[in-house]
C-alpha cells in the first residue's frame, strides 16, 4: 500500500489533509479527505473513496477527485501507477481470494 499526504488548496479552509494512494489488497486507488479538526477531536472524514474492492481503478480518476481538494504534484499520476505496478492486486493470493469471495466477486482467471 502506498500513501501520499497532499496539501489542501488555499481556499479549502475546511480541509485538514488529503490522503491518496494505492491499496493492492482491494485493487483500488483511494482518497480520504479529512476536515479541519475541532479542539480535542479527531478530524472528520469528509470524503472516502477506494474503500471497497476495485472502486477507483484509474489513477487519472483519483487525481481528478483530489484536484478539487488539494494541490496535486505534476508527477502524482505516474507515481500512483508505478505503485500499482510494483504491488499489483493478485487474486491468487489466499487472502485476496477470500476477500473477493466474501464480497461476492467472481474470481478473475
PDB file of N, CA and C in Angstrom:
ATOM      1  N   UNK A   1       0.843  -1.173   0.000  1.00  0.00           N
ATOM      2  CA  UNK A   1       0.000   0.000   0.000  1.00  0.00           C
ATOM      3  C   UNK A   1       0.891   1.240   0.000  1.00  0.00           C
ATOM      4  N   UNK A   2       0.474   2.195  -0.806  1.00  0.00           N
ATOM      5  CA  UNK A   2       1.177   3.478  -0.789  1.00  0.00           C
ATOM      6  C   UNK A   2       0.233   4.528  -0.212  1.00  0.00           C
ATOM      7  N   UNK A   3       0.819   5.616   0.261  1.00  0.00           N
ATOM      8  CA  UNK A   3       0.004   6.713   0.809  1.00  0.00           C
ATOM      9  C   UNK A   3       0.780   8.015   0.671  1.00  0.00           C
ATOM     10  N   UNK A   4       0.117   9.012   0.124  1.00  0.00           N
ATOM     11  CA  UNK A   4       0.697  10.337  -0.022  1.00  0.00           C
ATOM     12  C   UNK A   4      -0.232  11.347   0.643  1.00  0.00           C
ATOM     13  N   UNK A   5       0.340  12.277   1.370  1.00  0.00           N
ATOM     14  CA  UNK A   5      -0.424  13.340   2.016  1.00  0.00           C
ATOM     15  C   UNK A   5      -0.287  14.602   1.164  1.00  0.00           C
ATOM     16  N   UNK A   6      -1.418  15.134   0.723  1.00  0.00           N
ATOM     17  CA  UNK A   6      -1.420  16.311  -0.139  1.00  0.00           C
ATOM     18  C   UNK A   6      -1.855  17.548   0.641  1.00  0.00           C
ATOM     19  N   UNK A   7      -1.288  18.681   0.262  1.00  0.00           N
ATOM     20  CA  UNK A   7      -1.606  19.959   0.912  1.00  0.00           C
ATOM     21  C   UNK A   7      -2.944  20.476   0.385  1.00  0.00           C
ATOM     22  N   UNK A   8      -3.875  20.790   1.278  1.00  0.00           N
ATOM     23  CA  UNK A   8      -5.167  21.321   0.836  1.00  0.00           C
ATOM     24  C   UNK A   8      -5.009  22.618   0.037  1.00  0.00           C
ATOM     25  N   UNK A   9      -5.943  22.857  -0.880  1.00  0.00           N
ATOM     26  CA  UNK A   9      -5.957  24.104  -1.635  1.00  0.00           C
ATOM     27  C   UNK A   9      -6.152  25.275  -0.676  1.00  0.00           C
ATOM     28  N   UNK A  10      -5.561  26.431  -0.991  1.00  0.00           N
ATOM     29  CA  UNK A  10      -5.645  27.584  -0.084  1.00  0.00           C
ATOM     30  C   UNK A  10      -7.078  27.997   0.267  1.00  0.00           C
ATOM     31  N   UNK A  11      -7.995  27.875  -0.673  1.00  0.00           N
ATOM     32  CA  UNK A  11      -9.379  28.291  -0.413  1.00  0.00           C
ATOM     33  C   UNK A  11     -10.208  27.214   0.298  1.00  0.00           C
ATOM     34  N   UNK A  12      -9.603  26.057   0.580  1.00  0.00           N
ATOM     35  CA  UNK A  12     -10.314  24.970   1.267  1.00  0.00           C
ATOM     36  C   UNK A  12      -9.928  24.949   2.742  1.00  0.00           C
ATOM     37  N   UNK A  13     -10.322  25.990   3.475  1.00  0.00           N
ATOM     38  CA  UNK A  13     -10.017  26.072   4.907  1.00  0.00           C
ATOM     39  C   UNK A  13     -10.721  24.977   5.703  1.00  0.00           C
ATOM     40  N   UNK A  14     -11.719  24.345   5.079  1.00  0.00           N
ATOM     41  CA  UNK A  14     -12.456  23.270   5.734  1.00  0.00           C
ATOM     42  C   UNK A  14     -11.744  21.919   5.638  1.00  0.00           C
ATOM     43  N   UNK A  15     -10.617  21.884   4.904  1.00  0.00           N
ATOM     44  CA  UNK A  15      -9.887  20.627   4.695  1.00  0.00           C
ATOM     45  C   UNK A  15      -8.571  20.661   5.458  1.00  0.00           C
ATOM     46  N   UNK A  16      -8.336  19.612   6.221  1.00  0.00           N
ATOM     47  CA  UNK A  16      -7.119  19.480   7.024  1.00  0.00           C
ATOM     48  C   UNK A  16      -6.042  18.697   6.278  1.00  0.00           C
ATOM     49  N   UNK A  17      -6.445  17.604   5.645  1.00  0.00           N
ATOM     50  CA  UNK A  17      -5.496  16.751   4.925  1.00  0.00           C
ATOM     51  C   UNK A  17      -6.233  15.982   3.844  1.00  0.00           C
ATOM     52  N   UNK A  18      -5.497  15.699   2.762  1.00  0.00           N
ATOM     53  CA  UNK A  18      -5.996  14.832   1.704  1.00  0.00           C
ATOM     54  C   UNK A  18      -4.972  13.716   1.540  1.00  0.00           C
ATOM     55  N   UNK A  19      -5.413  12.487   1.762  1.00  0.00           N
ATOM     56  CA  UNK A  19      -4.533  11.323   1.636  1.00  0.00           C
ATOM     57  C   UNK A  19      -4.964  10.516   0.420  1.00  0.00           C
ATOM     58  N   UNK A  20      -3.984  10.150  -0.409  1.00  0.00           N
ATOM     59  CA  UNK A  20      -4.258   9.338  -1.597  1.00  0.00           C
ATOM     60  C   UNK A  20      -3.238   8.214  -1.664  1.00  0.00           C
ATOM     61  N   UNK A  21      -3.552   7.186  -2.445  1.00  0.00           N
ATOM     62  CA  UNK A  21      -2.597   6.104  -2.618  1.00  0.00           C
ATOM     63  C   UNK A  21      -3.198   4.912  -3.328  1.00  0.00           C
ATOM     64  N   UNK A  22      -2.462   3.808  -3.277  1.00  0.00           N
ATOM     65  CA  UNK A  22      -2.840   2.544  -3.913  1.00  0.00           C
ATOM     66  C   UNK A  22      -2.974   1.472  -2.840  1.00  0.00           C
ATOM     67  N   UNK A  23      -4.089   0.748  -2.858  1.00  0.00           N
ATOM     68  CA  UNK A  23      -4.337  -0.358  -1.935  1.00  0.00           C
ATOM     69  C   UNK A  23      -4.382  -1.644  -2.746  1.00  0.00           C
ATOM     70  N   UNK A  24      -3.282  -2.397  -2.720  1.00  0.00           N
ATOM     71  CA  UNK A  24      -3.190  -3.623  -3.515  1.00  0.00           C
ATOM     72  C   UNK A  24      -4.193  -4.673  -3.063  1.00  0.00           C
ATOM     73  N   UNK A  25      -4.469  -4.738  -1.769  1.00  0.00           N
ATOM     74  CA  UNK A  25      -5.403  -5.734  -1.251  1.00  0.00           C
ATOM     75  C   UNK A  25      -6.801  -5.595  -1.828  1.00  0.00           C
ATOM     76  N   UNK A  26      -7.259  -4.359  -1.979  1.00  0.00           N
ATOM     77  CA  UNK A  26      -8.578  -4.104  -2.557  1.00  0.00           C
ATOM     78  C   UNK A  26      -8.507  -3.834  -4.056  1.00  0.00           C
ATOM     79  N   UNK A  27      -7.297  -3.737  -4.604  1.00  0.00           N
ATOM     80  CA  UNK A  27      -7.141  -3.484  -6.035  1.00  0.00           C
ATOM     81  C   UNK A  27      -7.730  -2.145  -6.446  1.00  0.00           C
ATOM     82  N   UNK A  28      -7.482  -1.115  -5.628  1.00  0.00           N
ATOM     83  CA  UNK A  28      -8.070   0.192  -5.898  1.00  0.00           C
ATOM     84  C   UNK A  28      -7.155   1.318  -5.428  1.00  0.00           C
ATOM     85  N   UNK A  29      -7.280   2.446  -6.094  1.00  0.00           N
ATOM     86  CA  UNK A  29      -6.683   3.667  -5.572  1.00  0.00           C
ATOM     87  C   UNK A  29      -7.651   4.200  -4.526  1.00  0.00           C
ATOM     88  N   UNK A  30      -7.158   5.034  -3.619  1.00  0.00           N
ATOM     89  CA  UNK A  30      -8.044   5.584  -2.593  1.00  0.00           C
ATOM     90  C   UNK A  30      -7.748   7.054  -2.351  1.00  0.00           C
ATOM     91  N   UNK A  31      -8.763   7.743  -1.856  1.00  0.00           N
ATOM     92  CA  UNK A  31      -8.628   9.129  -1.420  1.00  0.00           C
ATOM     93  C   UNK A  31      -9.456   9.298  -0.155  1.00  0.00           C
ATOM     94  N   UNK A  32      -8.859   9.951   0.824  1.00  0.00           N
ATOM     95  CA  UNK A  32      -9.562  10.297   2.052  1.00  0.00           C
ATOM     96  C   UNK A  32      -9.334  11.784   2.300  1.00  0.00           C
ATOM     97  N   UNK A  33     -10.425  12.516   2.427  1.00  0.00           N
ATOM     98  CA  UNK A  33     -10.361  13.950   2.710  1.00  0.00           C
ATOM     99  C   UNK A  33     -10.799  14.146   4.158  1.00  0.00           C
ATOM    100  N   UNK A  34      -9.902  14.719   4.939  1.00  0.00           N
ATOM    101  CA  UNK A  34     -10.174  14.970   6.353  1.00  0.00           C
ATOM    102  C   UNK A  34     -10.513  16.441   6.554  1.00  0.00           C
ATOM    103  N   UNK A  35     -11.578  16.695   7.299  1.00  0.00           N
ATOM    104  CA  UNK A  35     -11.958  18.060   7.639  1.00  0.00           C
ATOM    105  C   UNK A  35     -11.071  18.610   8.742  1.00  0.00           C
ATOM    106  N   UNK A  36     -11.136  19.916   8.925  1.00  0.00           N
ATOM    107  CA  UNK A  36     -10.374  20.572   9.988  1.00  0.00           C
ATOM    108  C   UNK A  36     -10.898  20.093  11.341  1.00  0.00           C
ATOM    109  N   UNK A  37     -10.007  19.574  12.193  1.00  0.00           N
ATOM    110  CA  UNK A  37     -10.479  19.031  13.476  1.00  0.00           C
ATOM    111  C   UNK A  37     -10.889  20.128  14.453  1.00  0.00           C
ATOM    112  N   UNK A  38     -11.881  19.791  15.259  1.00  0.00           N
ATOM    113  CA  UNK A  38     -12.256  20.676  16.354  1.00  0.00           C
ATOM    114  C   UNK A  38     -11.306  20.396  17.511  1.00  0.00           C
ATOM    115  N   UNK A  39     -11.248  21.297  18.474  1.00  0.00           N
ATOM    116  CA  UNK A  39     -10.351  21.141  19.626  1.00  0.00           C
ATOM    117  C   UNK A  39     -10.644  19.819  20.326  1.00  0.00           C
ATOM    118  N   UNK A  40      -9.584  19.064  20.613  1.00  0.00           N
ATOM    119  CA  UNK A  40      -9.652  17.786  21.326  1.00  0.00           C
ATOM    120  C   UNK A  40     -10.439  16.711  20.575  1.00  0.00           C
ATOM    121  N   UNK A  41     -10.524  16.814  19.243  1.00  0.00           N
ATOM    122  CA  UNK A  41     -11.246  15.817  18.462  1.00  0.00           C
ATOM    123  C   UNK A  41     -10.416  15.413  17.258  1.00  0.00           C
ATOM    124  N   UNK A  42     -10.686  14.230  16.766  1.00  0.00           N
ATOM    125  CA  UNK A  42     -10.042  13.751  15.546  1.00  0.00           C
ATOM    126  C   UNK A  42     -10.681  14.445  14.340  1.00  0.00           C
ATOM    127  N   UNK A  43      -9.923  14.574  13.237  1.00  0.00           N
ATOM    128  CA  UNK A  43     -10.514  15.163  12.037  1.00  0.00           C
ATOM    129  C   UNK A  43     -11.670  14.295  11.520  1.00  0.00           C
ATOM    130  N   UNK A  44     -12.686  14.946  11.015  1.00  0.00           N
ATOM    131  CA  UNK A  44     -13.837  14.248  10.436  1.00  0.00           C
ATOM    132  C   UNK A  44     -13.494  13.816   9.015  1.00  0.00           C
ATOM    133  N   UNK A  45     -13.903  12.621   8.634  1.00  0.00           N
ATOM    134  CA  UNK A  45     -13.712  12.158   7.261  1.00  0.00           C
ATOM    135  C   UNK A  45     -14.819  12.780   6.416  1.00  0.00           C
ATOM    136  N   UNK A  46     -14.407  13.618   5.457  1.00  0.00           N
ATOM    137  CA  UNK A  46     -15.363  14.313   4.593  1.00  0.00           C
ATOM    138  C   UNK A  46     -15.650  13.530   3.314  1.00  0.00           C
ATOM    139  N   UNK A  47     -14.639  12.811   2.847  1.00  0.00           N
ATOM    140  CA  UNK A  47     -14.789  12.015   1.626  1.00  0.00           C
ATOM    141  C   UNK A  47     -13.890  10.805   1.758  1.00  0.00           C
ATOM    142  N   UNK A  48     -14.404   9.655   1.381  1.00  0.00           N
ATOM    143  CA  UNK A  48     -13.604   8.424   1.424  1.00  0.00           C
ATOM    144  C   UNK A  48     -14.010   7.563   0.248  1.00  0.00           C
ATOM    145  N   UNK A  49     -13.139   7.508  -0.744  1.00  0.00           N
ATOM    146  CA  UNK A  49     -13.348   6.665  -1.922  1.00  0.00           C
ATOM    147  C   UNK A  49     -12.204   5.670  -1.992  1.00  0.00           C
ATOM    148  N   UNK A  50     -12.471   4.530  -2.604  1.00  0.00           N
ATOM    149  CA  UNK A  50     -11.455   3.491  -2.689  1.00  0.00           C
ATOM    150  C   UNK A  50     -11.441   2.614  -1.457  1.00  0.00           C
ATOM    151  N   UNK A  51     -12.535   2.599  -0.744  1.00  0.00           N
ATOM    152  CA  UNK A  51     -12.617   1.777   0.459  1.00  0.00           C
ATOM    153  C   UNK A  51     -13.367   0.473   0.219  1.00  0.00           C
ATOM    154  N   UNK A  52     -13.701   0.212  -1.048  1.00  0.00           N
ATOM    155  CA  UNK A  52     -14.306  -1.061  -1.436  1.00  0.00           C
ATOM    156  C   UNK A  52     -13.554  -1.617  -2.637  1.00  0.00           C
ATOM    157  N   UNK A  53     -13.709  -2.873  -2.877  1.00  0.00           N
ATOM    158  CA  UNK A  53     -12.978  -3.606  -3.910  1.00  0.00           C
ATOM    159  C   UNK A  53     -13.106  -2.929  -5.272  1.00  0.00           C
ATOM    160  N   UNK A  54     -11.959  -2.564  -5.858  1.00  0.00           N
ATOM    161  CA  UNK A  54     -11.830  -2.014  -7.208  1.00  0.00           C
ATOM    162  C   UNK A  54     -12.728  -0.788  -7.456  1.00  0.00           C
ATOM    163  N   UNK A  55     -12.840   0.064  -6.461  1.00  0.00           N
ATOM    164  CA  UNK A  55     -13.664   1.269  -6.568  1.00  0.00           C
ATOM    165  C   UNK A  55     -13.070   2.273  -7.554  1.00  0.00           C
ATOM    166  N   UNK A  56     -11.785   2.557  -7.424  1.00  0.00           N
ATOM    167  CA  UNK A  56     -11.094   3.500  -8.317  1.00  0.00           C
ATOM    168  C   UNK A  56      -9.936   2.761  -8.983  1.00  0.00           C
ATOM    169  N   UNK A  57     -10.104   2.373 -10.231  1.00  0.00           N
ATOM    170  CA  UNK A  57      -9.067   1.575 -10.888  1.00  0.00           C
ATOM    171  C   UNK A  57      -8.160   2.395 -11.801  1.00  0.00           C
ATOM    172  N   UNK A  58      -8.478   3.669 -11.998  1.00  0.00           N
ATOM    173  CA  UNK A  58      -7.655   4.534 -12.850  1.00  0.00           C
ATOM    174  C   UNK A  58      -7.054   5.665 -12.015  1.00  0.00           C
ATOM    175  N   UNK A  59      -5.746   5.810 -12.103  1.00  0.00           N
ATOM    176  CA  UNK A  59      -5.063   6.868 -11.353  1.00  0.00           C
ATOM    177  C   UNK A  59      -5.573   8.250 -11.760  1.00  0.00           C
ATOM    178  N   UNK A  60      -5.904   8.424 -13.043  1.00  0.00           N
ATOM    179  CA  UNK A  60      -6.397   9.716 -13.518  1.00  0.00           C
ATOM    180  C   UNK A  60      -7.714  10.091 -12.834  1.00  0.00           C
ATOM    181  N   UNK A  61      -8.565   9.094 -12.579  1.00  0.00           N
ATOM    182  CA  UNK A  61      -9.840   9.354 -11.905  1.00  0.00           C
ATOM    183  C   UNK A  61      -9.591   9.840 -10.474  1.00  0.00           C
ATOM    184  N   UNK A  62      -8.650   9.195  -9.805  1.00  0.00           N
ATOM    185  CA  UNK A  62      -8.296   9.597  -8.445  1.00  0.00           C
ATOM    186  C   UNK A  62      -7.749  11.026  -8.430  1.00  0.00           C
ATOM    187  N   UNK A  63      -6.853  11.331  -9.343  1.00  0.00           N
ATOM    188  CA  UNK A  63      -6.246  12.663  -9.395  1.00  0.00           C
ATOM    189  C   UNK A  63      -7.309  13.730  -9.679  1.00  0.00           C
ATOM    190  N   UNK A  64      -8.272  13.425 -10.548  1.00  0.00           N
ATOM    191  CA  UNK A  64      -9.343  14.386 -10.846  1.00  0.00           C
ATOM    192  C   UNK A  64     -10.150  14.713  -9.592  1.00  0.00           C
ATOM    193  N   UNK A  65     -10.376  13.726  -8.745  1.00  0.00           N
ATOM    194  CA  UNK A  65     -11.090  13.969  -7.485  1.00  0.00           C
ATOM    195  C   UNK A  65     -10.207  14.784  -6.540  1.00  0.00           C
ATOM    196  N   UNK A  66      -8.942  14.396  -6.425  1.00  0.00           N
ATOM    197  CA  UNK A  66      -8.014  15.062  -5.499  1.00  0.00           C
ATOM    198  C   UNK A  66      -7.826  16.536  -5.839  1.00  0.00           C
ATOM    199  N   UNK A  67      -7.838  16.878  -7.125  1.00  0.00           N
ATOM    200  CA  UNK A  67      -7.627  18.272  -7.545  1.00  0.00           C
ATOM    201  C   UNK A  67      -8.701  19.219  -7.024  1.00  0.00           C
ATOM    202  N   UNK A  68      -9.848  18.695  -6.634  1.00  0.00           N
ATOM    203  CA  UNK A  68     -10.916  19.531  -6.081  1.00  0.00           C
ATOM    204  C   UNK A  68     -10.616  19.967  -4.650  1.00  0.00           C
ATOM    205  N   UNK A  69      -9.675  19.252  -4.001  1.00  0.00           N
ATOM    206  CA  UNK A  69      -9.403  19.485  -2.583  1.00  0.00           C
ATOM    207  C   UNK A  69      -7.959  19.876  -2.261  1.00  0.00           C
ATOM    208  N   UNK A  70      -7.011  19.489  -3.122  1.00  0.00           N
ATOM    209  CA  UNK A  70      -5.603  19.632  -2.749  1.00  0.00           C
ATOM    210  C   UNK A  70      -4.729  20.026  -3.926  1.00  0.00           C
ATOM    211  N   UNK A  71      -3.537  20.507  -3.569  1.00  0.00           N
ATOM    212  CA  UNK A  71      -2.505  20.759  -4.571  1.00  0.00           C
ATOM    213  C   UNK A  71      -1.947  19.399  -4.977  1.00  0.00           C
ATOM    214  N   UNK A  72      -1.969  19.119  -6.267  1.00  0.00           N
ATOM    215  CA  UNK A  72      -1.558  17.808  -6.761  1.00  0.00           C
ATOM    216  C   UNK A  72      -0.245  17.942  -7.526  1.00  0.00           C
ATOM    217  N   UNK A  73       0.804  17.247  -7.090  1.00  0.00           N
ATOM    218  CA  UNK A  73       2.076  17.289  -7.812  1.00  0.00           C
ATOM    219  C   UNK A  73       1.900  16.784  -9.246  1.00  0.00           C
ATOM    220  N   UNK A  74       2.644  17.375 -10.168  1.00  0.00           N
ATOM    221  CA  UNK A  74       2.530  17.012 -11.577  1.00  0.00           C
ATOM    222  C   UNK A  74       2.815  15.537 -11.833  1.00  0.00           C
ATOM    223  N   UNK A  75       3.652  14.924 -11.005  1.00  0.00           N
ATOM    224  CA  UNK A  75       4.025  13.527 -11.237  1.00  0.00           C
ATOM    225  C   UNK A  75       3.194  12.528 -10.424  1.00  0.00           C
ATOM    226  N   UNK A  76       2.120  12.975  -9.785  1.00  0.00           N
ATOM    227  CA  UNK A  76       1.363  12.075  -8.913  1.00  0.00           C
ATOM    228  C   UNK A  76       0.744  10.906  -9.678  1.00  0.00           C
ATOM    229  N   UNK A  77       0.163  11.159 -10.842  1.00  0.00           N
ATOM    230  CA  UNK A  77      -0.434  10.067 -11.621  1.00  0.00           C
ATOM    231  C   UNK A  77       0.610   9.002 -11.922  1.00  0.00           C
ATOM    232  N   UNK A  78       1.788   9.413 -12.347  1.00  0.00           N
ATOM    233  CA  UNK A  78       2.866   8.470 -12.654  1.00  0.00           C
ATOM    234  C   UNK A  78       3.285   7.695 -11.415  1.00  0.00           C
ATOM    235  N   UNK A  79       3.443   8.373 -10.293  1.00  0.00           N
ATOM    236  CA  UNK A  79       3.852   7.694  -9.050  1.00  0.00           C
ATOM    237  C   UNK A  79       2.813   6.670  -8.614  1.00  0.00           C
ATOM    238  N   UNK A  80       1.533   7.027  -8.722  1.00  0.00           N
ATOM    239  CA  UNK A  80       0.471   6.090  -8.351  1.00  0.00           C
ATOM    240  C   UNK A  80       0.457   4.867  -9.264  1.00  0.00           C
ATOM    241  N   UNK A  81       0.640   5.090 -10.560  1.00  0.00           N
ATOM    242  CA  UNK A  81       0.684   3.960 -11.494  1.00  0.00           C
ATOM    243  C   UNK A  81       1.891   3.071 -11.213  1.00  0.00           C
ATOM    244  N   UNK A  82       3.022   3.677 -10.875  1.00  0.00           N
ATOM    245  CA  UNK A  82       4.210   2.895 -10.503  1.00  0.00           C
ATOM    246  C   UNK A  82       3.960   2.086  -9.229  1.00  0.00           C
ATOM    247  N   UNK A  83       3.234   2.660  -8.278  1.00  0.00           N
ATOM    248  CA  UNK A  83       2.884   1.931  -7.052  1.00  0.00           C
ATOM    249  C   UNK A  83       2.033   0.706  -7.381  1.00  0.00           C
ATOM    250  N   UNK A  84       1.068   0.880  -8.291  1.00  0.00           N
ATOM    251  CA  UNK A  84       0.196  -0.234  -8.686  1.00  0.00           C
ATOM    252  C   UNK A  84       0.993  -1.332  -9.373  1.00  0.00           C
ATOM    253  N   UNK A  85       1.914  -0.951 -10.221  1.00  0.00           N
ATOM    254  CA  UNK A  85       2.742  -1.937 -10.926  1.00  0.00           C
ATOM    255  C   UNK A  85       3.661  -2.657  -9.948  1.00  0.00           C
ATOM    256  N   UNK A  86       4.218  -1.926  -9.000  1.00  0.00           N
ATOM    257  CA  UNK A  86       5.138  -2.521  -8.016  1.00  0.00           C
ATOM    258  C   UNK A  86       4.421  -3.461  -7.048  1.00  0.00           C
ATOM    259  N   UNK A  87       3.156  -3.185  -6.762  1.00  0.00           N
ATOM    260  CA  UNK A  87       2.389  -4.016  -5.813  1.00  0.00           C
ATOM    261  C   UNK A  87       0.996  -4.258  -6.393  1.00  0.00           C
ATOM    262  N   UNK A  88       0.900  -5.098  -7.429  1.00  0.00           N
ATOM    263  CA  UNK A  88      -0.399  -5.316  -8.073  1.00  0.00           C
ATOM    264  C   UNK A  88      -1.361  -6.116  -7.198  1.00  0.00           C
ATOM    265  N   UNK A  89      -2.643  -5.937  -7.478  1.00  0.00           N
ATOM    266  CA  UNK A  89      -3.666  -6.768  -6.830  1.00  0.00           C
ATOM    267  C   UNK A  89      -3.513  -8.172  -7.403  1.00  0.00           C
ATOM    268  N   UNK A  90      -3.334  -9.139  -6.550  1.00  0.00           N
ATOM    269  CA  UNK A  90      -3.129 -10.516  -7.005  1.00  0.00           C
ATOM    270  C   UNK A  90      -4.198 -11.399  -6.391  1.00  0.00           C
ATOM    271  N   UNK A  91      -5.195 -11.740  -7.206  1.00  0.00           N
ATOM    272  CA  UNK A  91      -6.304 -12.541  -6.719  1.00  0.00           C
ATOM    273  C   UNK A  91      -5.847 -13.913  -6.252  1.00  0.00           C
ATOM    274  N   UNK A  92      -4.751 -14.400  -6.791  1.00  0.00           N
ATOM    275  CA  UNK A  92      -4.295 -15.745  -6.427  1.00  0.00           C
ATOM    276  C   UNK A  92      -3.746 -15.822  -5.001  1.00  0.00           C
ATOM    277  N   UNK A  93      -3.430 -14.678  -4.405  1.00  0.00           N
ATOM    278  CA  UNK A  93      -3.004 -14.706  -3.009  1.00  0.00           C
ATOM    279  C   UNK A  93      -4.204 -15.131  -2.173  1.00  0.00           C
ATOM    280  N   UNK A  94      -4.010 -16.077  -1.259  1.00  0.00           N
ATOM    281  CA  UNK A  94      -5.148 -16.615  -0.498  1.00  0.00           C
ATOM    282  C   UNK A  94      -6.031 -15.553   0.150  1.00  0.00           C
ATOM    283  N   UNK A  95      -5.443 -14.545   0.760  1.00  0.00           N
ATOM    284  CA  UNK A  95      -6.268 -13.541   1.439  1.00  0.00           C
ATOM    285  C   UNK A  95      -7.105 -12.750   0.447  1.00  0.00           C
ATOM    286  N   UNK A  96      -6.562 -12.450  -0.727  1.00  0.00           N
ATOM    287  CA  UNK A  96      -7.317 -11.708  -1.730  1.00  0.00           C
ATOM    288  C   UNK A  96      -8.463 -12.547  -2.277  1.00  0.00           C
ATOM    289  N   UNK A  97      -8.245 -13.849  -2.428  1.00  0.00           N
ATOM    290  CA  UNK A  97      -9.307 -14.740  -2.894  1.00  0.00           C
ATOM    291  C   UNK A  97     -10.439 -14.781  -1.854  1.00  0.00           C
ATOM    292  N   UNK A  98     -10.083 -14.879  -0.592  1.00  0.00           N
ATOM    293  CA  UNK A  98     -11.091 -14.906   0.475  1.00  0.00           C
ATOM    294  C   UNK A  98     -11.886 -13.603   0.492  1.00  0.00           C
ATOM    295  N   UNK A  99     -11.182 -12.474   0.399  1.00  0.00           N
ATOM    296  CA  UNK A  99     -11.860 -11.174   0.400  1.00  0.00           C
ATOM    297  C   UNK A  99     -12.806 -11.073  -0.787  1.00  0.00           C
ATOM    298  N   UNK A 100     -12.359 -11.493  -1.963  1.00  0.00           N
ATOM    299  CA  UNK A 100     -13.201 -11.438  -3.155  1.00  0.00           C
ATOM    300  C   UNK A 100     -14.447 -12.294  -2.981  1.00  0.00           C
ATOM    301  N   UNK A 101     -14.286 -13.481  -2.406  1.00  0.00           N
ATOM    302  CA  UNK A 101     -15.438 -14.355  -2.182  1.00  0.00           C
ATOM    303  C   UNK A 101     -16.399 -13.741  -1.168  1.00  0.00           C
ATOM    304  N   UNK A 102     -15.863 -13.146  -0.099  1.00  0.00           N
ATOM    305  CA  UNK A 102     -16.714 -12.503   0.902  1.00  0.00           C
ATOM    306  C   UNK A 102     -17.501 -11.338   0.309  1.00  0.00           C
ATOM    307  N   UNK A 103     -16.884 -10.658  -0.642  1.00  0.00           N
ATOM    308  CA  UNK A 103     -17.540  -9.523  -1.285  1.00  0.00           C
ATOM    309  C   UNK A 103     -18.460  -9.957  -2.420  1.00  0.00           C
ATOM    310  N   UNK A 104     -18.493 -11.271  -2.694  1.00  0.00           N
ATOM    311  CA  UNK A 104     -19.358 -11.784  -3.745  1.00  0.00           C
ATOM    312  C   UNK A 104     -18.852 -11.497  -5.139  1.00  0.00           C
ATOM    313  N   UNK A 105     -17.563 -11.346  -5.280  1.00  0.00           N
ATOM    314  CA  UNK A 105     -16.966 -11.067  -6.590  1.00  0.00           C
ATOM    315  C   UNK A 105     -16.586 -12.376  -7.270  1.00  0.00           C
ATOM    316  N   UNK A 106     -16.712 -12.382  -8.576  1.00  0.00           N
ATOM    317  CA  UNK A 106     -16.316 -13.556  -9.344  1.00  0.00           C
ATOM    318  C   UNK A 106     -14.806 -13.530  -9.497  1.00  0.00           C
ATOM    319  N   UNK A 107     -14.119 -14.606  -9.110  1.00  0.00           N
ATOM    320  CA  UNK A 107     -12.654 -14.632  -9.241  1.00  0.00           C
ATOM    321  C   UNK A 107     -12.216 -14.432 -10.683  1.00  0.00           C
ATOM    322  N   UNK A 108     -11.164 -13.646 -10.849  1.00  0.00           N
ATOM    323  CA  UNK A 108     -10.577 -13.423 -12.170  1.00  0.00           C
ATOM    324  C   UNK A 108      -9.772 -14.640 -12.557  1.00  0.00           C
ATOM    325  N   UNK A 109      -9.736 -14.933 -13.823  1.00  0.00           N
ATOM    326  CA  UNK A 109      -8.946 -16.080 -14.318  1.00  0.00           C
ATOM    327  C   UNK A 109      -7.518 -15.679 -14.523  1.00  0.00           C
TER     328      UNK A 109
END
